Every structure is written in C-alpha cells, then in structure tokens.
Amino acid sequence: MRKIRKTDKGKLNKLIDDLIHPYFKEYPAMIIVDGLLHAMVEQNPDANLRKFVKYNVPKIIKTLARKNRPISHSFKH
C-alpha cells in the first residue's frame, strides 16, 4: 500500500466519519466498521487500538446497555 500524506489521511478520516457515523444508532456494528476503516487509513495499530478503546468501546457498551434495558410498561394490565 502506498504511503498516504497527512492531509489525505485527514480527508479520508473525515469522509469515513461523515459516511459511517450517522448509522451508529441504527446499526451498532458500524462502530466496528468505522474503527477498521480508520485503522486502514492510519496504518498505526497501537494508536488505532488505543483510540478504538477510548472512543468506540464506550459507544458499544452504551448501545448494548440500551438494548438490554428492561422495557417499562406505560400501560396498566
């Protein structure tokens, strides 16, 4: 893979964010896709893993917690 300049990386990362982030709530797996795409652009596994844990793991946990939350019934039986 050819070396990508810093400005090109920024543009690619912005494009990934613009295309993928709107789908996070509806399709939580897109959070992982987002991390993989950013890792491909950055080509720095250590930094990418740290960023994924810092920014994406909390989103995944929040999404899973929301899905596992008991449904409150607003009507009486």
Protein backbone atom coordinates (compact mmCIF):
# COMPACT_ATOMS: atom_id res chain seq x y z
CA MET A 1 0.00 0.00 0.00
CA ARG A 2 1.39 3.41 -0.88
CA LYS A 3 2.18 5.98 1.79
CA ILE A 4 -0.68 8.41 2.43
CA ARG A 5 0.11 12.05 3.23
CA LYS A 6 -1.18 13.53 6.47
CA THR A 7 -3.65 15.85 4.72
CA ASP A 8 -5.01 12.94 2.69
CA LYS A 9 -5.44 10.92 5.88
CA GLY A 10 -7.43 13.75 7.43
CA LYS A 11 -9.70 13.96 4.41
CA LEU A 12 -10.22 10.19 4.32
CA ASN A 13 -10.96 10.09 8.07
CA LYS A 14 -13.47 12.92 7.69
CA LEU A 15 -15.13 11.09 4.80
CA ILE A 16 -15.35 7.89 6.86
CA ASP A 17 -16.88 9.83 9.76
CA ASP A 18 -19.42 11.55 7.50
CA LEU A 19 -20.46 8.29 5.85
CA ILE A 20 -20.44 5.88 8.79
CA HIS A 21 -21.31 7.83 11.97
CA PRO A 22 -24.94 8.56 11.01
CA TYR A 23 -25.63 4.80 11.09
CA PHE A 24 -24.22 4.08 14.58
CA LYS A 25 -27.58 4.11 16.40
CA GLU A 26 -29.46 2.03 13.85
CA TYR A 27 -26.56 -0.35 13.09
CA PRO A 28 -24.17 -0.58 16.07
CA ALA A 29 -21.85 -2.92 14.14
CA MET A 30 -20.94 0.13 12.06
CA ILE A 31 -18.91 1.33 15.06
CA ILE A 32 -16.56 -1.60 14.45
CA VAL A 33 -16.52 -0.96 10.69
CA ASP A 34 -15.62 2.66 11.46
CA GLY A 35 -12.69 1.57 13.62
CA LEU A 36 -11.42 -0.82 10.96
CA LEU A 37 -11.63 1.80 8.21
CA HIS A 38 -9.77 4.36 10.33
CA ALA A 39 -7.13 1.73 11.12
CA MET A 40 -6.64 1.09 7.40
CA VAL A 41 -6.14 4.80 6.78
CA GLU A 42 -3.84 5.44 9.75
CA GLN A 43 -1.76 2.25 9.46
CA ASN A 44 -0.67 2.52 13.11
CA PRO A 45 -2.05 -0.49 15.00
CA ASP A 46 -1.00 0.63 18.51
CA ALA A 47 -2.50 4.10 18.19
CA ASN A 48 -5.61 2.74 16.49
CA LEU A 49 -6.25 0.22 19.24
CA ARG A 50 -5.92 2.93 21.91
CA LYS A 51 -8.28 5.24 20.01
CA PHE A 52 -10.79 2.43 19.44
CA VAL A 53 -10.84 1.58 23.13
CA LYS A 54 -11.07 5.23 24.15
CA TYR A 55 -13.76 6.36 21.70
CA ASN A 56 -15.63 3.34 20.35
CA VAL A 57 -15.79 0.82 23.18
CA PRO A 58 -17.86 3.22 25.32
CA LYS A 59 -20.29 3.67 22.39
CA ILE A 60 -20.60 -0.08 22.00
CA ILE A 61 -21.19 -0.58 25.73
CA LYS A 62 -23.78 2.20 25.78
CA THR A 63 -25.59 0.66 22.80
CA LEU A 64 -25.58 -2.82 24.34
CA ALA A 65 -26.79 -1.46 27.68
CA ARG A 66 -29.62 0.37 25.93
CA LYS A 67 -30.68 -2.80 24.08
CA ASN A 68 -30.60 -4.90 27.26
CA ARG A 69 -32.54 -2.39 29.36
CA PRO A 70 -35.87 -3.80 30.52
CA ILE A 71 -38.87 -2.36 28.75
CA SER A 72 -41.01 -0.25 31.06
CA HIS A 73 -44.69 -0.69 30.51
CA SER A 74 -46.53 2.60 30.36
CA PHE A 75 -49.92 0.93 30.41
CA LYS A 76 -51.64 -0.98 33.19
CA HIS A 77 -52.61 -4.64 32.81
